[in-house]
Amino acid sequence: MINTIHHPYRSKGFLTLLLILFSIVVFSQNDFASNPPSQKIETVDTIKGNWDINVDLASRYIWRGQSWGGDYPVLQLYGNYTINDKFSVGFWTTSNFKKEYYDKNGASKGYQELDLVFNYSPTDYFTVSLQDYYWPSTDRQEGVSNEFFNFGNDGSQSLDLQFLFDFSERKLPFWATLSTLIAGNDFRYKDENDEKGKQNFTTYIEFGYTYEAPLMIEVAPVIGFVVNNKARYYTYADYDKPSFVNLGCKLSKDFKIGKHFIIPIWLNYTYNATASTTNLEPFGKQFLVVGTTLTYE
């Protein structure tokens, strides 16, 4: 997740948080090794209290048709902890390990992010998710704060309330997402002198479908659009009308290595159908990202 406000000094605590999260991965392997998920029966008693940890290596970072961190490879560590059959908590991180926040042309270069996720699933197809987005800059930028829990107009943080529908457990491989920013740096300004303005509640809607093609290749087309972008939270989008920023398709195939490791290779194509070509500069409309996910089964 990203915002249009550009962020100040490098957050010294960010890499520390990454190390803490990485240590969680290491220590959680003891539980995985003694009771690998592939051997578990999916009941409340067996899945609760376990971490699901993954690491992505990707050629660049694209979020809902938005390009952040330039065209540089990224490492993404994320996980989910199951409390019970209805509640879970998780985290998501990304970094391209570049120190300069902008390149010589003023385009996005260095990027890092830490998200905290809280999920409530009353049914097997519906989840309410509250996601805290925090994206501290990689070097000092004047006039913007990287302070954690700063949800003001100079902050680097926002809260996203999501309603997720996933019918894969009902043998219908269809999902839909309704996402609204309820707090944080998503303000609609009256003029350039307005220090804060009103909360815009920028809303994003996404529909997707998954099916298995020949050679056991999973295909997942997606359509995503921003309903109201007057706060310009989505930089690479239209500001005065609904904007189809995320039209694309993901291809993935799993490769099993040994008894416990599965490495999926995936290719993700994204087309940003924003009408305003100026808002798409300097990255353009089309993005092709290749990556792999390291996980433990």
C-alpha atoms as a PDB file:
ATOM      1  CA  MET A   1       0.000   0.000   0.000  1.00  0.00           C
ATOM      2  CA  ILE A   2       1.124   3.509  -0.714  1.00  0.00           C
ATOM      3  CA  ASN A   3       0.137   7.148  -0.491  1.00  0.00           C
ATOM      4  CA  THR A   4       0.753  10.219  -2.611  1.00  0.00           C
ATOM      5  CA  ILE A   5       2.543  12.064   0.196  1.00  0.00           C
ATOM      6  CA  HIS A   6       6.263  11.394   0.006  1.00  0.00           C
ATOM      7  CA  HIS A   7       7.985  10.450   3.187  1.00  0.00           C
ATOM      8  CA  PRO A   8      10.872  11.864   5.188  1.00  0.00           C
ATOM      9  CA  TYR A   9      13.859  10.415   7.004  1.00  0.00           C
ATOM     10  CA  ARG A  10      14.848   6.762   7.031  1.00  0.00           C
ATOM     11  CA  SER A  11      13.085   4.894   9.829  1.00  0.00           C
ATOM     12  CA  LYS A  12      15.897   3.323  11.878  1.00  0.00           C
ATOM     13  CA  GLY A  13      13.451   0.983  13.563  1.00  0.00           C
ATOM     14  CA  PHE A  14      12.211  -0.468  10.296  1.00  0.00           C
ATOM     15  CA  LEU A  15      15.104  -2.843   9.710  1.00  0.00           C
ATOM     16  CA  THR A  16      14.907  -3.824  13.372  1.00  0.00           C
ATOM     17  CA  LEU A  17      11.274  -4.773  12.850  1.00  0.00           C
ATOM     18  CA  LEU A  18      12.275  -6.826   9.818  1.00  0.00           C
ATOM     19  CA  LEU A  19      14.828  -8.693  11.923  1.00  0.00           C
ATOM     20  CA  ILE A  20      12.229  -9.360  14.602  1.00  0.00           C
ATOM     21  CA  LEU A  21       9.803 -10.698  12.027  1.00  0.00           C
ATOM     22  CA  PHE A  22      12.552 -12.816  10.478  1.00  0.00           C
ATOM     23  CA  SER A  23      13.309 -14.306  13.909  1.00  0.00           C
ATOM     24  CA  ILE A  24       9.642 -15.271  14.174  1.00  0.00           C
ATOM     25  CA  VAL A  25      10.069 -17.231  10.952  1.00  0.00           C
ATOM     26  CA  VAL A  26      13.138 -19.044  12.297  1.00  0.00           C
ATOM     27  CA  PHE A  27      11.675 -19.997  15.671  1.00  0.00           C
ATOM     28  CA  SER A  28       8.326 -20.984  14.176  1.00  0.00           C
ATOM     29  CA  GLN A  29      10.088 -23.671  12.125  1.00  0.00           C
ATOM     30  CA  ASN A  30      10.291 -25.836  15.252  1.00  0.00           C
ATOM     31  CA  ASP A  31       6.518 -26.122  15.261  1.00  0.00           C
ATOM     32  CA  PHE A  32       6.416 -26.676  11.495  1.00  0.00           C
ATOM     33  CA  ALA A  33       9.035 -29.409  11.643  1.00  0.00           C
ATOM     34  CA  SER A  34       7.251 -31.383  14.353  1.00  0.00           C
ATOM     35  CA  ASN A  35       3.802 -30.917  12.842  1.00  0.00           C
ATOM     36  CA  PRO A  36       4.001 -29.921   9.162  1.00  0.00           C
ATOM     37  CA  PRO A  37       0.786 -28.333   7.784  1.00  0.00           C
ATOM     38  CA  SER A  38       0.560 -30.910   5.011  1.00  0.00           C
ATOM     39  CA  GLN A  39      -0.096 -33.575   7.638  1.00  0.00           C
ATOM     40  CA  LYS A  40      -2.672 -31.648   9.619  1.00  0.00           C
ATOM     41  CA  ILE A  41      -6.416 -32.150   9.580  1.00  0.00           C
ATOM     42  CA  GLU A  42      -7.971 -28.732   9.019  1.00  0.00           C
ATOM     43  CA  THR A  43      -9.987 -28.366  12.213  1.00  0.00           C
ATOM     44  CA  VAL A  44     -10.083 -25.590  14.775  1.00  0.00           C
ATOM     45  CA  ASP A  45      -8.022 -27.578  17.284  1.00  0.00           C
ATOM     46  CA  THR A  46      -5.195 -28.249  14.832  1.00  0.00           C
ATOM     47  CA  ILE A  47      -4.845 -24.951  12.989  1.00  0.00           C
ATOM     48  CA  LYS A  48      -5.078 -22.498  15.866  1.00  0.00           C
ATOM     49  CA  GLY A  49      -1.877 -21.190  17.366  1.00  0.00           C
ATOM     50  CA  ASN A  50       0.219 -21.662  14.213  1.00  0.00           C
ATOM     51  CA  TRP A  51       2.150 -19.274  12.009  1.00  0.00           C
ATOM     52  CA  ASP A  52       1.847 -19.320   8.237  1.00  0.00           C
ATOM     53  CA  ILE A  53       5.038 -17.678   6.979  1.00  0.00           C
ATOM     54  CA  ASN A  54       6.063 -16.788   3.421  1.00  0.00           C
ATOM     55  CA  VAL A  55       8.847 -14.903   1.652  1.00  0.00           C
ATOM     56  CA  ASP A  56       8.383 -13.427  -1.824  1.00  0.00           C
ATOM     57  CA  LEU A  57      11.196 -12.512  -4.198  1.00  0.00           C
ATOM     58  CA  ALA A  58       9.861 -10.342  -7.016  1.00  0.00           C
ATOM     59  CA  SER A  59      11.287  -8.256  -9.849  1.00  0.00           C
ATOM     60  CA  ARG A  60       9.505  -5.115  -8.596  1.00  0.00           C
ATOM     61  CA  TYR A  61       6.647  -3.918  -6.377  1.00  0.00           C
ATOM     62  CA  ILE A  62       3.261  -3.151  -7.935  1.00  0.00           C
ATOM     63  CA  TRP A  63       0.246  -2.449  -5.702  1.00  0.00           C
ATOM     64  CA  ARG A  64      -3.183  -2.022  -7.293  1.00  0.00           C
ATOM     65  CA  GLY A  65      -1.695  -0.662 -10.490  1.00  0.00           C
ATOM     66  CA  GLN A  66       0.696   1.628  -8.599  1.00  0.00           C
ATOM     67  CA  SER A  67       4.458   1.326  -9.114  1.00  0.00           C
ATOM     68  CA  TRP A  68       6.555   2.022  -6.004  1.00  0.00           C
ATOM     69  CA  GLY A  69      10.285   1.736  -5.508  1.00  0.00           C
ATOM     70  CA  GLY A  70      11.159   1.952  -9.193  1.00  0.00           C
ATOM     71  CA  ASP A  71      12.081  -1.063 -11.278  1.00  0.00           C
ATOM     72  CA  TYR A  72      14.132  -2.793  -8.579  1.00  0.00           C
ATOM     73  CA  PRO A  73      13.831  -6.311  -7.125  1.00  0.00           C
ATOM     74  CA  VAL A  74      12.084  -6.582  -3.763  1.00  0.00           C
ATOM     75  CA  LEU A  75      11.981  -8.989  -0.851  1.00  0.00           C
ATOM     76  CA  GLN A  76       8.631  -9.399   0.895  1.00  0.00           C
ATOM     77  CA  LEU A  77       8.216 -11.210   4.201  1.00  0.00           C
ATOM     78  CA  TYR A  78       4.686 -11.856   5.448  1.00  0.00           C
ATOM     79  CA  GLY A  79       2.817 -14.139   7.782  1.00  0.00           C
ATOM     80  CA  ASN A  80      -0.448 -14.918   9.502  1.00  0.00           C
ATOM     81  CA  TYR A  81      -1.088 -16.253  13.010  1.00  0.00           C
ATOM     82  CA  THR A  82      -4.314 -18.178  13.580  1.00  0.00           C
ATOM     83  CA  ILE A  83      -5.851 -17.403  16.971  1.00  0.00           C
ATOM     84  CA  ASN A  84      -8.972 -19.512  16.440  1.00  0.00           C
ATOM     85  CA  ASP A  85     -11.397 -20.392  13.641  1.00  0.00           C
ATOM     86  CA  LYS A  86     -12.560 -16.763  13.364  1.00  0.00           C
ATOM     87  CA  PHE A  87      -9.660 -14.514  14.348  1.00  0.00           C
ATOM     88  CA  SER A  88      -6.143 -14.138  12.995  1.00  0.00           C
ATOM     89  CA  VAL A  89      -3.418 -11.505  12.980  1.00  0.00           C
ATOM     90  CA  GLY A  90      -0.627 -10.978  10.521  1.00  0.00           C
ATOM     91  CA  PHE A  91       2.029  -8.753   9.024  1.00  0.00           C
ATOM     92  CA  TRP A  92       3.387  -7.882   5.594  1.00  0.00           C
ATOM     93  CA  THR A  93       6.704  -6.209   4.750  1.00  0.00           C
ATOM     94  CA  THR A  94       8.538  -5.177   1.609  1.00  0.00           C
ATOM     95  CA  SER A  95      11.864  -3.527   0.818  1.00  0.00           C
ATOM     96  CA  ASN A  96      14.077  -3.023  -2.221  1.00  0.00           C
ATOM     97  CA  PHE A  97      17.027  -2.018   0.021  1.00  0.00           C
ATOM     98  CA  LYS A  98      17.692   1.231  -1.848  1.00  0.00           C
ATOM     99  CA  LYS A  99      18.738   4.185   0.333  1.00  0.00           C
ATOM    100  CA  GLU A 100      17.773   7.017  -2.029  1.00  0.00           C
ATOM    101  CA  TYR A 101      14.057   7.765  -1.899  1.00  0.00           C
ATOM    102  CA  TYR A 102      14.099   9.386  -5.365  1.00  0.00           C
ATOM    103  CA  ASP A 103      16.288   8.813  -8.387  1.00  0.00           C
ATOM    104  CA  LYS A 104      17.975  11.661 -10.267  1.00  0.00           C
ATOM    105  CA  ASN A 105      14.777  12.239 -12.293  1.00  0.00           C
ATOM    106  CA  GLY A 106      12.600  12.554  -9.188  1.00  0.00           C
ATOM    107  CA  ALA A 107      10.947   9.158  -9.618  1.00  0.00           C
ATOM    108  CA  SER A 108      10.348   6.690  -6.790  1.00  0.00           C
ATOM    109  CA  LYS A 109      13.445   4.614  -6.004  1.00  0.00           C
ATOM    110  CA  GLY A 110      13.936   3.448  -2.417  1.00  0.00           C
ATOM    111  CA  TYR A 111      10.883   1.903  -0.793  1.00  0.00           C
ATOM    112  CA  GLN A 112      10.001   0.012   2.398  1.00  0.00           C
ATOM    113  CA  GLU A 113       6.739  -0.842   4.110  1.00  0.00           C
ATOM    114  CA  LEU A 114       5.375  -2.608   7.178  1.00  0.00           C
ATOM    115  CA  ASP A 115       1.679  -3.543   7.434  1.00  0.00           C
ATOM    116  CA  LEU A 116      -0.186  -5.015  10.395  1.00  0.00           C
ATOM    117  CA  VAL A 117      -3.300  -7.070   9.664  1.00  0.00           C
ATOM    118  CA  PHE A 118      -6.257  -8.044  11.873  1.00  0.00           C
ATOM    119  CA  ASN A 119      -8.816 -10.477  10.443  1.00  0.00           C
ATOM    120  CA  TYR A 120     -12.245 -11.630  11.563  1.00  0.00           C
ATOM    121  CA  SER A 121     -13.913 -14.414   9.538  1.00  0.00           C
ATOM    122  CA  PRO A 122     -17.483 -15.166  10.660  1.00  0.00           C
ATOM    123  CA  THR A 123     -17.878 -17.639   7.759  1.00  0.00           C
ATOM    124  CA  ASP A 124     -15.595 -19.597   5.427  1.00  0.00           C
ATOM    125  CA  TYR A 125     -16.229 -17.118   2.606  1.00  0.00           C
ATOM    126  CA  PHE A 126     -16.369 -13.706   4.333  1.00  0.00           C
ATOM    127  CA  THR A 127     -13.604 -11.846   6.177  1.00  0.00           C
ATOM    128  CA  VAL A 128     -13.465  -8.386   7.706  1.00  0.00           C
ATOM    129  CA  SER A 129      -9.879  -7.148   7.676  1.00  0.00           C
ATOM    130  CA  LEU A 130      -8.340  -4.044   9.252  1.00  0.00           C
ATOM    131  CA  GLN A 131      -4.939  -3.277   7.771  1.00  0.00           C
ATOM    132  CA  ASP A 132      -2.507  -0.700   9.085  1.00  0.00           C
ATOM    133  CA  TYR A 133      -0.207   0.594   6.307  1.00  0.00           C
ATOM    134  CA  TYR A 134       3.108   2.142   7.376  1.00  0.00           C
ATOM    135  CA  TRP A 135       5.615   3.201   4.708  1.00  0.00           C
ATOM    136  CA  PRO A 136       8.595   5.099   6.221  1.00  0.00           C
ATOM    137  CA  SER A 137      10.878   6.733   3.670  1.00  0.00           C
ATOM    138  CA  THR A 138      14.414   5.587   3.024  1.00  0.00           C
ATOM    139  CA  ASP A 139      16.007   9.016   3.475  1.00  0.00           C
ATOM    140  CA  ARG A 140      15.095  12.386   4.969  1.00  0.00           C
ATOM    141  CA  GLN A 141      12.288  14.353   3.285  1.00  0.00           C
ATOM    142  CA  GLU A 142      11.422  17.801   4.598  1.00  0.00           C
ATOM    143  CA  GLY A 143       7.919  18.457   5.927  1.00  0.00           C
ATOM    144  CA  VAL A 144       6.760  14.860   6.334  1.00  0.00           C
ATOM    145  CA  SER A 145       6.833  12.717   9.460  1.00  0.00           C
ATOM    146  CA  ASN A 146       7.695   9.025   9.691  1.00  0.00           C
ATOM    147  CA  GLU A 147       6.463   8.818  13.255  1.00  0.00           C
ATOM    148  CA  PHE A 148       4.484   5.645  13.887  1.00  0.00           C
ATOM    149  CA  PHE A 149       0.793   6.240  14.717  1.00  0.00           C
ATOM    150  CA  ASN A 150       0.866   9.592  12.919  1.00  0.00           C
ATOM    151  CA  PHE A 151      -2.361   9.556  10.911  1.00  0.00           C
ATOM    152  CA  GLY A 152      -2.220  13.257  10.066  1.00  0.00           C
ATOM    153  CA  ASN A 153      -1.648  14.962   6.741  1.00  0.00           C
ATOM    154  CA  ASP A 154       2.145  14.824   7.203  1.00  0.00           C
ATOM    155  CA  GLY A 155       2.163  11.160   8.253  1.00  0.00           C
ATOM    156  CA  SER A 156       3.251   7.953   6.540  1.00  0.00           C
ATOM    157  CA  GLN A 157       0.414   5.762   7.755  1.00  0.00           C
ATOM    158  CA  SER A 158      -3.220   4.906   7.031  1.00  0.00           C
ATOM    159  CA  LEU A 159      -5.905   2.406   8.027  1.00  0.00           C
ATOM    160  CA  ASP A 160      -7.696   0.305   5.413  1.00  0.00           C
ATOM    161  CA  LEU A 161     -10.971  -1.447   6.264  1.00  0.00           C
ATOM    162  CA  GLN A 162     -11.599  -4.354   3.892  1.00  0.00           C
ATOM    163  CA  PHE A 163     -14.517  -6.683   3.278  1.00  0.00           C
ATOM    164  CA  LEU A 164     -13.233  -9.823   1.574  1.00  0.00           C
ATOM    165  CA  PHE A 165     -15.392 -12.431  -0.131  1.00  0.00           C
ATOM    166  CA  ASP A 166     -13.685 -15.676  -1.163  1.00  0.00           C
ATOM    167  CA  PHE A 167     -15.900 -18.537  -2.295  1.00  0.00           C
ATOM    168  CA  SER A 168     -13.128 -21.052  -3.023  1.00  0.00           C
ATOM    169  CA  GLU A 169     -14.227 -23.176  -0.044  1.00  0.00           C
ATOM    170  CA  ARG A 170     -17.675 -23.330  -1.668  1.00  0.00           C
ATOM    171  CA  LYS A 171     -16.109 -24.711  -4.885  1.00  0.00           C
ATOM    172  CA  LEU A 172     -16.563 -21.373  -6.622  1.00  0.00           C
ATOM    173  CA  PRO A 173     -13.092 -19.872  -7.318  1.00  0.00           C
ATOM    174  CA  PHE A 174     -14.272 -16.269  -7.199  1.00  0.00           C
ATOM    175  CA  TRP A 175     -13.282 -13.437  -4.881  1.00  0.00           C
ATOM    176  CA  ALA A 176     -14.264  -9.817  -4.350  1.00  0.00           C
ATOM    177  CA  THR A 177     -12.802  -7.048  -2.209  1.00  0.00           C
ATOM    178  CA  LEU A 178     -14.263  -3.759  -0.967  1.00  0.00           C
ATOM    179  CA  SER A 179     -11.544  -1.582   0.549  1.00  0.00           C
ATOM    180  CA  THR A 180     -12.037   1.849   2.186  1.00  0.00           C
ATOM    181  CA  LEU A 181      -9.448   4.023   3.904  1.00  0.00           C
ATOM    182  CA  ILE A 182     -10.976   5.032   7.225  1.00  0.00           C
ATOM    183  CA  ALA A 183      -8.081   6.949   8.798  1.00  0.00           C
ATOM    184  CA  GLY A 184      -4.652   8.312   8.020  1.00  0.00           C
ATOM    185  CA  ASN A 185      -3.164  10.345   5.228  1.00  0.00           C
ATOM    186  CA  ASP A 186      -6.149  10.334   2.876  1.00  0.00           C
ATOM    187  CA  PHE A 187      -7.287  13.951   3.050  1.00  0.00           C
ATOM    188  CA  ARG A 188      -9.137  15.954   0.411  1.00  0.00           C
ATOM    189  CA  TYR A 189      -7.815  19.521   0.453  1.00  0.00           C
ATOM    190  CA  LYS A 190      -9.965  22.562  -0.322  1.00  0.00           C
ATOM    191  CA  ASP A 191      -6.944  24.459  -1.653  1.00  0.00           C
ATOM    192  CA  GLU A 192      -3.175  24.444  -1.397  1.00  0.00           C
ATOM    193  CA  ASN A 193      -3.291  26.356   1.898  1.00  0.00           C
ATOM    194  CA  ASP A 194      -5.602  23.876   3.629  1.00  0.00           C
ATOM    195  CA  GLU A 195      -3.417  22.135   6.187  1.00  0.00           C
ATOM    196  CA  LYS A 196      -5.627  19.104   6.669  1.00  0.00           C
ATOM    197  CA  GLY A 197      -8.909  19.037   4.785  1.00  0.00           C
ATOM    198  CA  LYS A 198     -11.552  16.333   5.080  1.00  0.00           C
ATOM    199  CA  GLN A 199     -11.052  12.587   5.202  1.00  0.00           C
ATOM    200  CA  ASN A 200     -11.819  11.299   1.705  1.00  0.00           C
ATOM    201  CA  PHE A 201     -12.526   7.620   2.504  1.00  0.00           C
ATOM    202  CA  THR A 202     -10.978   6.543  -0.797  1.00  0.00           C
ATOM    203  CA  THR A 203     -12.559   3.261  -1.885  1.00  0.00           C
ATOM    204  CA  TYR A 204     -11.152   0.493  -4.053  1.00  0.00           C
ATOM    205  CA  ILE A 205     -13.148  -2.484  -5.434  1.00  0.00           C
ATOM    206  CA  GLU A 206     -11.673  -5.651  -6.920  1.00  0.00           C
ATOM    207  CA  PHE A 207     -13.049  -8.797  -8.537  1.00  0.00           C
ATOM    208  CA  GLY A 208     -11.046 -11.884  -9.371  1.00  0.00           C
ATOM    209  CA  TYR A 209     -11.398 -15.449 -10.564  1.00  0.00           C
ATOM    210  CA  THR A 210      -9.054 -18.440 -10.364  1.00  0.00           C
ATOM    211  CA  TYR A 211      -8.998 -21.549 -12.532  1.00  0.00           C
ATOM    212  CA  GLU A 212      -6.530 -24.273 -13.392  1.00  0.00           C
ATOM    213  CA  ALA A 213      -5.201 -24.360 -16.942  1.00  0.00           C
ATOM    214  CA  PRO A 214      -3.338 -27.270 -18.594  1.00  0.00           C
ATOM    215  CA  LEU A 215       0.038 -28.288 -17.092  1.00  0.00           C
ATOM    216  CA  MET A 216      -1.341 -27.422 -13.632  1.00  0.00           C
ATOM    217  CA  ILE A 217      -0.894 -23.692 -14.213  1.00  0.00           C
ATOM    218  CA  GLU A 218      -3.155 -21.524 -12.081  1.00  0.00           C
ATOM    219  CA  VAL A 219      -4.638 -18.535 -13.916  1.00  0.00           C
ATOM    220  CA  ALA A 220      -6.129 -15.604 -11.975  1.00  0.00           C
ATOM    221  CA  PRO A 221      -7.540 -12.624 -13.914  1.00  0.00           C
ATOM    222  CA  VAL A 222      -8.442  -9.527 -11.886  1.00  0.00           C
ATOM    223  CA  ILE A 223     -10.313  -6.240 -12.307  1.00  0.00           C
ATOM    224  CA  GLY A 224      -9.759  -3.460  -9.780  1.00  0.00           C
ATOM    225  CA  PHE A 225     -10.878   0.158  -9.771  1.00  0.00           C
ATOM    226  CA  VAL A 226     -10.834   3.230  -7.521  1.00  0.00           C
ATOM    227  CA  VAL A 227     -14.258   4.766  -6.946  1.00  0.00           C
ATOM    228  CA  ASN A 228     -13.344   8.172  -5.456  1.00  0.00           C
ATOM    229  CA  ASN A 229      -9.780   9.426  -5.725  1.00  0.00           C
ATOM    230  CA  LYS A 230     -10.203  13.152  -4.979  1.00  0.00           C
ATOM    231  CA  ALA A 231      -7.603  12.912  -2.207  1.00  0.00           C
ATOM    232  CA  ARG A 232      -5.146  11.536  -4.826  1.00  0.00           C
ATOM    233  CA  TYR A 233      -4.187   8.664  -2.569  1.00  0.00           C
ATOM    234  CA  TYR A 234      -3.706   6.591  -5.724  1.00  0.00           C
ATOM    235  CA  THR A 235      -1.023   8.619  -7.481  1.00  0.00           C
ATOM    236  CA  TYR A 236      -1.145   6.709 -10.771  1.00  0.00           C
ATOM    237  CA  ALA A 237      -4.904   7.043 -11.264  1.00  0.00           C
ATOM    238  CA  ASP A 238      -7.590   9.506 -12.339  1.00  0.00           C
ATOM    239  CA  TYR A 239      -8.439  12.065  -9.674  1.00  0.00           C
ATOM    240  CA  ASP A 240     -11.898  13.214 -10.776  1.00  0.00           C
ATOM    241  CA  LYS A 241     -13.658   9.996 -11.826  1.00  0.00           C
ATOM    242  CA  PRO A 242     -13.648   6.222 -11.227  1.00  0.00           C
ATOM    243  CA  SER A 243     -10.374   4.768 -12.439  1.00  0.00           C
ATOM    244  CA  PHE A 244      -9.642   1.197 -13.544  1.00  0.00           C
ATOM    245  CA  VAL A 245      -6.098   1.009 -12.223  1.00  0.00           C
ATOM    246  CA  ASN A 246      -5.682  -2.749 -11.950  1.00  0.00           C
ATOM    247  CA  LEU A 247      -6.606  -4.882 -14.960  1.00  0.00           C
ATOM    248  CA  GLY A 248      -4.443  -7.945 -15.106  1.00  0.00           C
ATOM    249  CA  CYS A 249      -3.777 -11.624 -14.843  1.00  0.00           C
ATOM    250  CA  LYS A 250      -1.476 -13.798 -12.746  1.00  0.00           C
ATOM    251  CA  LEU A 251      -0.035 -17.136 -13.865  1.00  0.00           C
ATOM    252  CA  SER A 252       1.519 -19.433 -11.273  1.00  0.00           C
ATOM    253  CA  LYS A 253       2.808 -22.975 -11.051  1.00  0.00           C
ATOM    254  CA  ASP A 254       4.028 -24.903  -7.999  1.00  0.00           C
ATOM    255  CA  PHE A 255       7.305 -26.801  -7.940  1.00  0.00           C
ATOM    256  CA  LYS A 256       7.871 -29.149  -5.005  1.00  0.00           C
ATOM    257  CA  ILE A 257      11.401 -29.537  -3.719  1.00  0.00           C
ATOM    258  CA  GLY A 258      11.942 -32.355  -1.257  1.00  0.00           C
ATOM    259  CA  LYS A 259       9.256 -33.380   1.191  1.00  0.00           C
ATOM    260  CA  HIS A 260       8.313 -30.070   2.734  1.00  0.00           C
ATOM    261  CA  PHE A 261       9.173 -27.193   0.422  1.00  0.00           C
ATOM    262  CA  ILE A 262       6.997 -25.879  -2.396  1.00  0.00           C
ATOM    263  CA  ILE A 263       8.275 -23.057  -4.606  1.00  0.00           C
ATOM    264  CA  PRO A 264       5.657 -21.475  -6.858  1.00  0.00           C
ATOM    265  CA  ILE A 265       6.899 -19.419  -9.781  1.00  0.00           C
ATOM    266  CA  TRP A 266       4.493 -16.679 -10.833  1.00  0.00           C
ATOM    267  CA  LEU A 267       4.150 -14.086 -13.568  1.00  0.00           C
ATOM    268  CA  ASN A 268       1.852 -11.121 -12.999  1.00  0.00           C
ATOM    269  CA  TYR A 269       0.728  -8.729 -15.748  1.00  0.00           C
ATOM    270  CA  THR A 270      -0.965  -5.442 -14.783  1.00  0.00           C
ATOM    271  CA  TYR A 271      -2.536  -2.865 -17.056  1.00  0.00           C
ATOM    272  CA  ASN A 272      -3.447   0.534 -15.598  1.00  0.00           C
ATOM    273  CA  ALA A 273      -6.361   1.936 -17.630  1.00  0.00           C
ATOM    274  CA  THR A 274      -6.163   5.413 -16.121  1.00  0.00           C
ATOM    275  CA  ALA A 275      -7.264   8.024 -18.652  1.00  0.00           C
ATOM    276  CA  SER A 276      -4.788  10.675 -17.518  1.00  0.00           C
ATOM    277  CA  THR A 277      -1.438   9.771 -19.048  1.00  0.00           C
ATOM    278  CA  THR A 278       0.251  12.519 -17.013  1.00  0.00           C
ATOM    279  CA  ASN A 279      -0.616  10.735 -13.785  1.00  0.00           C
ATOM    280  CA  LEU A 280       1.037   7.561 -15.084  1.00  0.00           C
ATOM    281  CA  GLU A 281       4.437   9.131 -15.609  1.00  0.00           C
ATOM    282  CA  PRO A 282       7.181   8.020 -15.394  1.00  0.00           C
ATOM    283  CA  PHE A 283       6.269   4.329 -15.255  1.00  0.00           C
ATOM    284  CA  GLY A 284       3.555   3.987 -17.899  1.00  0.00           C
ATOM    285  CA  LYS A 285       0.475   1.783 -18.139  1.00  0.00           C
ATOM    286  CA  GLN A 286       1.833  -1.776 -18.237  1.00  0.00           C
ATOM    287  CA  PHE A 287       3.795  -3.798 -15.694  1.00  0.00           C
ATOM    288  CA  LEU A 288       5.150  -7.321 -15.890  1.00  0.00           C
ATOM    289  CA  VAL A 289       6.406  -8.814 -12.641  1.00  0.00           C
ATOM    290  CA  VAL A 290       8.013 -12.218 -12.130  1.00  0.00           C
ATOM    291  CA  GLY A 291       8.553 -13.759  -8.733  1.00  0.00           C
ATOM    292  CA  THR A 292       8.696 -16.770  -6.497  1.00  0.00           C
ATOM    293  CA  THR A 293       7.382 -17.558  -3.031  1.00  0.00           C
ATOM    294  CA  LEU A 294       9.333 -19.495  -0.431  1.00  0.00           C
ATOM    295  CA  THR A 295       7.078 -21.267   2.033  1.00  0.00           C
ATOM    296  CA  TYR A 296       7.092 -24.298   4.317  1.00  0.00           C
ATOM    297  CA  GLU A 297       4.588 -27.108   3.951  1.00  0.00           C
END
